[in-house]
């Protein structure tokens, strides 16, 4: 019996330089966004135990960190603030003296061309750890005053824009948040500032390390009353449609690795809008933990998963692997 002929596709895979030539999906440092945790205080860089390689940074440590980021070719960061004072309304999130308001000018001075995205939410700033104004709760059922929260979200967004944020990224999943923020920005003269909405944010188990890093875990109940059910995907399309109608410029899916089907469906439905995927702290920590035990190859695993996220339809990815990937790709 004769040897089966080698197919054209197989021949294309036999040499590395040809494989690179015909590769359909390409990771690039410029498509990765690095989250930064900035905490009130001076002269510290606190390691985050559940997120190896990441730190809570005081503002004075930012210039050195930003220098290392830009040298790797990373062009965007997402900021999360940890205030020294918390209250029921998260007032420090929209104070002119808030931690993010102080951090943005320092970052812009160190790297004027670095794209600064500012997460707009209240979980890090409230004493109860929820993403809005709590009016009552019973065990896991938490009732949020949606309209009051919208007013405060608009104030927070405008405050970040005044400080120099390039992109406003609301993540609290309040109904009407994009419209409220759009009106707030426009009325304050920031019509040019785009909104990257966490349109599809699931009530996921993948946020644990982040909540430690940002010191924003709920003190009671959970967030299932305002974040999405992990079993739903049609709902994701409806959430995106609402945000688009309210003026969202970019959409996001969070988490990313465990929701590739959702990323694909959204990109197929709304191909004209940039789509971000957030590779979360839990997804990052799982790879790190497995690689530390020798169960997985960290570099190969991270690159494969991030490539899959982009292949599914993400135009850019927020990931805690941004620095490592940028170094590997060099």
Protein backbone atom coordinates (compact mmCIF):
# COMPACT_ATOMS: atom_id res chain seq x y z
CA UNK A 1 0.00 0.00 0.00
CA UNK A 2 1.47 3.35 -1.03
CA UNK A 3 2.40 6.10 1.40
CA UNK A 4 -0.37 8.62 1.94
CA UNK A 5 0.65 11.91 0.32
CA UNK A 6 1.53 14.83 2.60
CA UNK A 7 -1.16 17.48 2.39
CA UNK A 8 -0.42 21.10 1.53
CA UNK A 9 -1.46 22.18 5.03
CA UNK A 10 0.91 19.71 6.63
CA UNK A 11 3.78 20.93 4.47
CA UNK A 12 3.06 24.46 5.69
CA UNK A 13 3.54 23.28 9.28
CA UNK A 14 6.88 21.54 8.78
CA UNK A 15 9.16 24.59 8.98
CA UNK A 16 9.06 27.20 11.72
CA UNK A 17 9.54 30.19 9.44
CA UNK A 18 6.63 29.07 7.24
CA UNK A 19 4.46 28.42 10.32
CA UNK A 20 5.13 32.01 11.42
CA UNK A 21 4.31 33.29 7.94
CA UNK A 22 0.86 31.70 7.79
CA UNK A 23 -0.09 32.12 11.46
CA UNK A 24 -3.58 33.62 11.74
CA UNK A 25 -3.41 35.14 15.23
CA UNK A 26 -0.50 37.18 16.57
CA UNK A 27 -0.05 38.37 20.14
CA UNK A 28 1.62 41.77 20.46
CA UNK A 29 2.59 43.78 23.58
CA UNK A 30 0.68 46.76 22.20
CA UNK A 31 -2.54 44.74 22.46
CA UNK A 32 -2.03 43.92 26.16
CA UNK A 33 -3.21 46.08 29.06
CA UNK A 34 -1.49 45.76 32.44
CA UNK A 35 -3.53 46.31 35.63
CA UNK A 36 -1.88 48.36 38.37
CA UNK A 37 -2.89 48.51 42.04
CA UNK A 38 -2.08 51.88 43.57
CA UNK A 39 -2.43 52.33 47.31
CA UNK A 40 -2.43 55.38 49.53
CA UNK A 41 0.85 55.83 51.41
CA UNK A 42 4.55 56.35 50.75
CA UNK A 43 7.58 54.36 49.73
CA UNK A 44 6.25 50.82 49.49
CA UNK A 45 5.87 48.05 46.94
CA UNK A 46 3.85 45.35 48.68
CA UNK A 47 3.92 41.91 47.02
CA UNK A 48 0.50 40.36 46.38
CA UNK A 49 0.81 36.77 47.61
CA UNK A 50 -1.85 35.29 45.33
CA UNK A 51 -0.55 37.14 42.26
CA UNK A 52 3.21 36.53 41.91
CA UNK A 53 5.02 39.44 40.27
CA UNK A 54 2.34 41.99 41.15
CA UNK A 55 2.34 44.61 43.88
CA UNK A 56 0.37 47.26 45.67
CA UNK A 57 2.32 50.41 44.78
CA UNK A 58 2.51 53.79 46.46
CA UNK A 59 2.43 56.74 44.07
CA UNK A 60 6.13 57.51 44.53
CA UNK A 61 6.97 54.03 43.18
CA UNK A 62 5.10 54.61 39.93
CA UNK A 63 7.83 56.31 37.83
CA UNK A 64 10.15 53.29 38.10
CA UNK A 65 7.29 50.86 37.41
CA UNK A 66 6.08 52.86 34.41
CA UNK A 67 9.60 52.95 33.00
CA UNK A 68 9.83 49.14 33.11
CA UNK A 69 6.40 48.83 31.50
CA UNK A 70 7.12 51.12 28.58
CA UNK A 71 10.53 49.56 27.95
CA UNK A 72 8.76 46.26 27.33
CA UNK A 73 6.54 47.82 24.68
CA UNK A 74 3.34 47.81 26.75
CA UNK A 75 1.24 50.80 25.75
CA UNK A 76 -1.75 50.67 28.13
CA UNK A 77 -2.47 50.28 31.85
CA UNK A 78 -5.68 49.88 33.87
CA UNK A 79 -5.68 51.60 37.25
CA UNK A 80 -7.27 50.39 40.48
CA UNK A 81 -7.06 52.51 43.62
CA UNK A 82 -6.87 51.52 47.28
CA UNK A 83 -7.74 54.48 49.54
CA UNK A 84 -6.74 55.05 53.15
CA UNK A 85 -10.33 55.86 54.13
CA UNK A 86 -13.53 54.04 53.18
CA UNK A 87 -17.20 54.84 53.75
CA UNK A 88 -20.64 53.79 52.60
CA UNK A 89 -20.56 56.02 49.51
CA UNK A 90 -16.95 55.56 48.41
CA UNK A 91 -16.32 59.30 48.58
CA UNK A 92 -12.57 59.03 48.03
CA UNK A 93 -13.22 57.65 44.56
CA UNK A 94 -14.48 61.03 43.34
CA UNK A 95 -12.36 63.29 45.55
CA UNK A 96 -9.81 65.57 43.87
CA UNK A 97 -7.36 64.17 46.43
CA UNK A 98 -8.17 60.52 45.74
CA UNK A 99 -5.44 57.97 45.08
CA UNK A 100 -6.16 57.58 41.34
CA UNK A 101 -6.46 61.35 40.92
CA UNK A 102 -2.95 61.68 42.39
CA UNK A 103 -1.53 58.76 40.44
CA UNK A 104 -2.59 59.70 36.91
CA UNK A 105 -0.51 62.92 36.64
CA UNK A 106 2.55 61.04 37.92
CA UNK A 107 2.07 58.34 35.29
CA UNK A 108 1.52 60.89 32.54
CA UNK A 109 4.67 62.76 33.51
CA UNK A 110 6.71 59.55 33.42
CA UNK A 111 5.21 58.35 30.11
CA UNK A 112 3.04 60.93 28.30
CA UNK A 113 2.09 58.50 25.53
CA UNK A 114 1.07 55.64 27.82
CA UNK A 115 -2.68 55.02 27.52
CA UNK A 116 -4.25 55.30 30.98
CA UNK A 117 -7.53 53.47 31.56
CA UNK A 118 -9.29 54.16 34.84
CA UNK A 119 -11.60 51.57 36.36
CA UNK A 120 -14.78 53.25 37.63
CA UNK A 121 -16.42 51.39 40.49
CA UNK A 122 -16.86 51.56 44.27
CA UNK A 123 -15.89 48.16 45.65
CA UNK A 124 -12.39 49.31 46.64
CA UNK A 125 -13.71 52.55 48.16
CA UNK A 126 -16.73 51.45 50.19
CA UNK A 127 -16.58 50.06 53.71
CA UNK A 128 -18.99 47.27 52.69
CA UNK A 129 -17.08 46.25 49.53
CA UNK A 130 -20.02 46.41 47.13
CA UNK A 131 -20.05 48.19 43.78
CA UNK A 132 -22.79 50.68 44.63
CA UNK A 133 -24.80 52.30 47.39
CA UNK A 134 -26.27 49.53 49.54
CA UNK A 135 -29.78 50.19 50.87
CA UNK A 136 -30.49 46.79 52.41
CA UNK A 137 -29.25 43.24 52.46
CA UNK A 138 -30.27 39.83 53.73
CA UNK A 139 -27.57 37.19 53.56
CA UNK A 140 -26.54 36.94 49.89
CA UNK A 141 -29.35 39.16 48.60
CA UNK A 142 -27.88 42.65 48.38
CA UNK A 143 -30.09 45.52 47.24
CA UNK A 144 -28.28 48.40 45.55
CA UNK A 145 -29.70 51.90 45.08
CA UNK A 146 -29.06 51.94 41.35
CA UNK A 147 -29.99 55.58 40.65
CA UNK A 148 -27.95 56.99 43.53
CA UNK A 149 -25.00 54.90 42.39
CA UNK A 150 -25.29 56.31 38.85
CA UNK A 151 -24.91 59.86 40.17
CA UNK A 152 -21.73 58.91 42.00
CA UNK A 153 -20.32 56.94 39.07
CA UNK A 154 -20.67 60.02 36.87
CA UNK A 155 -18.82 62.10 39.49
CA UNK A 156 -16.05 59.51 39.70
CA UNK A 157 -15.67 59.36 35.92
CA UNK A 158 -15.46 63.15 35.58
CA UNK A 159 -12.92 63.31 38.39
CA UNK A 160 -10.69 60.76 36.64
CA UNK A 161 -11.04 62.59 33.32
CA UNK A 162 -9.97 65.85 34.98
CA UNK A 163 -6.90 64.07 36.36
CA UNK A 164 -5.91 62.98 32.85
CA UNK A 165 -7.42 59.52 32.23
CA UNK A 166 -7.56 58.60 28.55
CA UNK A 167 -10.32 55.98 28.83
CA UNK A 168 -13.07 55.56 31.41
CA UNK A 169 -13.93 51.93 32.22
CA UNK A 170 -17.05 51.43 34.36
CA UNK A 171 -17.16 47.97 35.94
CA UNK A 172 -19.97 48.09 38.52
CA UNK A 173 -22.72 46.63 36.32
CA UNK A 174 -25.30 49.21 37.31
CA UNK A 175 -28.26 49.62 34.95
CA UNK A 176 -27.78 52.79 32.90
CA UNK A 177 -24.18 53.38 33.99
CA UNK A 178 -22.85 54.07 30.49
CA UNK A 179 -25.52 56.68 29.77
CA UNK A 180 -25.02 58.40 33.14
CA UNK A 181 -21.25 58.53 32.67
CA UNK A 182 -21.58 59.71 29.07
CA UNK A 183 -23.81 62.58 30.13
CA UNK A 184 -21.48 63.43 33.01
CA UNK A 185 -18.39 63.49 30.81
CA UNK A 186 -20.10 65.47 28.05
CA UNK A 187 -21.50 68.07 30.45
CA UNK A 188 -18.02 68.53 31.95
CA UNK A 189 -16.41 69.10 28.55
CA UNK A 190 -14.94 65.60 28.09
CA UNK A 191 -16.85 64.58 24.97
CA UNK A 192 -13.62 63.16 23.55
CA UNK A 193 -13.08 60.64 26.37
CA UNK A 194 -14.22 57.15 25.29
CA UNK A 195 -16.01 54.65 27.51
CA UNK A 196 -14.83 51.05 27.74
CA UNK A 197 -17.75 49.32 29.42
CA UNK A 198 -17.47 46.09 31.40
CA UNK A 199 -20.64 45.18 29.50
CA UNK A 200 -20.43 41.44 30.20
CA UNK A 201 -19.17 40.82 33.72
CA UNK A 202 -20.06 37.50 35.26
CA UNK A 203 -20.53 36.73 38.97
CA UNK A 204 -17.44 34.56 38.70
CA UNK A 205 -15.25 32.64 41.12
CA UNK A 206 -12.23 33.94 39.18
CA UNK A 207 -11.91 37.26 41.06
CA UNK A 208 -10.53 36.06 44.39
CA UNK A 209 -6.89 37.23 44.07
CA UNK A 210 -8.03 40.60 42.71
CA UNK A 211 -10.23 41.20 45.73
CA UNK A 212 -7.23 40.60 47.97
CA UNK A 213 -5.04 42.89 45.87
CA UNK A 214 -7.61 45.70 45.69
CA UNK A 215 -8.89 45.13 49.24
CA UNK A 216 -12.43 45.20 47.88
CA UNK A 217 -14.08 41.92 48.88
CA UNK A 218 -17.75 42.22 49.95
CA UNK A 219 -18.18 42.29 53.72
CA UNK A 220 -21.52 40.55 53.37
CA UNK A 221 -23.46 38.74 50.66
CA UNK A 222 -22.20 38.53 47.10
CA UNK A 223 -22.62 40.35 43.79
CA UNK A 224 -25.04 38.04 42.03
CA UNK A 225 -27.85 40.61 42.15
CA UNK A 226 -25.95 42.90 39.78
CA UNK A 227 -23.37 40.71 38.00
CA UNK A 228 -24.32 38.15 35.34
CA UNK A 229 -25.25 34.51 35.85
CA UNK A 230 -22.36 32.32 34.65
CA UNK A 231 -24.84 30.04 32.86
CA UNK A 232 -26.10 32.73 30.48
CA UNK A 233 -24.79 33.83 27.09
CA UNK A 234 -27.86 35.29 25.36
CA UNK A 235 -28.01 37.77 28.22
CA UNK A 236 -24.51 38.91 27.27
CA UNK A 237 -25.74 40.04 23.88
CA UNK A 238 -28.60 41.96 25.47
CA UNK A 239 -26.22 43.68 27.90
CA UNK A 240 -23.98 44.73 25.03
CA UNK A 241 -26.93 46.06 23.05
CA UNK A 242 -28.00 48.20 26.01
CA UNK A 243 -24.50 49.61 26.51
CA UNK A 244 -24.13 50.39 22.80
CA UNK A 245 -27.46 52.23 22.83
CA UNK A 246 -26.24 54.27 25.80
CA UNK A 247 -23.02 55.30 24.07
CA UNK A 248 -20.34 52.72 24.90
CA UNK A 249 -17.33 53.05 22.59
CA UNK A 250 -15.80 49.68 23.49
CA UNK A 251 -17.13 46.48 25.06
CA UNK A 252 -15.58 44.02 27.48
CA UNK A 253 -16.05 40.42 28.55
CA UNK A 254 -14.84 39.39 32.02
CA UNK A 255 -13.58 36.72 32.70
CA UNK A 256 -11.97 35.76 29.40
CA UNK A 257 -10.43 32.28 29.36
CA UNK A 258 -13.59 30.54 30.60
CA UNK A 259 -15.90 32.59 28.34
CA UNK A 260 -14.40 32.18 24.88
CA UNK A 261 -17.82 31.31 23.47
CA UNK A 262 -19.21 34.61 24.73
CA UNK A 263 -16.29 36.58 23.28
CA UNK A 264 -16.88 34.90 19.92
CA UNK A 265 -20.62 35.57 19.92
CA UNK A 266 -20.19 39.24 20.81
CA UNK A 267 -17.54 39.86 18.17
CA UNK A 268 -19.68 38.12 15.54
CA UNK A 269 -22.70 40.22 16.55
CA UNK A 270 -20.95 43.58 16.96
CA UNK A 271 -17.83 43.41 14.73
CA UNK A 272 -17.65 47.19 14.36
CA UNK A 273 -16.91 47.84 18.05
CA UNK A 274 -13.52 47.15 19.70
CA UNK A 275 -13.83 44.23 22.09
CA UNK A 276 -11.70 43.79 25.20
CA UNK A 277 -11.36 40.60 27.23
CA UNK A 278 -10.20 40.62 30.85
CA UNK A 279 -7.99 37.65 31.69
CA UNK A 280 -8.72 37.73 35.39
CA UNK A 281 -6.64 37.33 38.52
CA UNK A 282 -7.98 33.84 39.18
CA UNK A 283 -7.21 32.69 35.65
CA UNK A 284 -3.70 34.14 36.07
CA UNK A 285 -3.22 32.57 39.52
CA UNK A 286 -4.22 29.09 38.34
CA UNK A 287 -1.49 29.07 35.70
CA UNK A 288 1.06 30.44 38.17
CA UNK A 289 0.19 27.87 40.84
CA UNK A 290 0.28 24.94 38.42
CA UNK A 291 3.58 26.05 36.94
CA UNK A 292 5.12 26.48 40.41
CA UNK A 293 4.24 22.85 41.14
CA UNK A 294 5.75 21.75 37.84
CA UNK A 295 2.39 20.61 36.48
CA UNK A 296 2.33 23.04 33.54
CA UNK A 297 4.77 25.06 31.48
CA UNK A 298 3.96 28.65 32.43
CA UNK A 299 5.14 30.34 29.26
CA UNK A 300 3.53 27.87 26.84
CA UNK A 301 0.29 27.81 28.83
CA UNK A 302 -0.05 31.58 29.12
CA UNK A 303 0.74 32.18 25.46
CA UNK A 304 -1.69 29.47 24.35
CA UNK A 305 -4.54 30.82 26.49
CA UNK A 306 -4.00 34.47 25.54
CA UNK A 307 -3.78 33.48 21.88
CA UNK A 308 -7.08 31.62 22.25
CA UNK A 309 -8.69 34.72 23.76
CA UNK A 310 -7.54 36.83 20.82
CA UNK A 311 -8.49 34.11 18.34
CA UNK A 312 -12.01 34.07 19.81
CA UNK A 313 -12.40 37.72 18.88
CA UNK A 314 -10.80 39.98 21.49
CA UNK A 315 -9.12 43.03 19.97
CA UNK A 316 -7.11 43.65 23.13
CA UNK A 317 -6.64 41.84 26.44
CA UNK A 318 -6.29 43.03 30.02
CA UNK A 319 -3.91 40.53 31.60
CA UNK A 320 -1.61 40.16 34.58
CA UNK A 321 0.75 38.32 32.24
CA UNK A 322 1.37 41.47 30.19
CA UNK A 323 4.95 42.03 31.35
CA UNK A 324 5.95 38.39 31.04
CA UNK A 325 4.37 38.04 27.61
CA UNK A 326 6.00 41.24 26.36
CA UNK A 327 9.39 39.90 27.50
CA UNK A 328 8.75 36.46 25.95
CA UNK A 329 7.69 37.95 22.63
CA UNK A 330 10.92 39.94 22.42
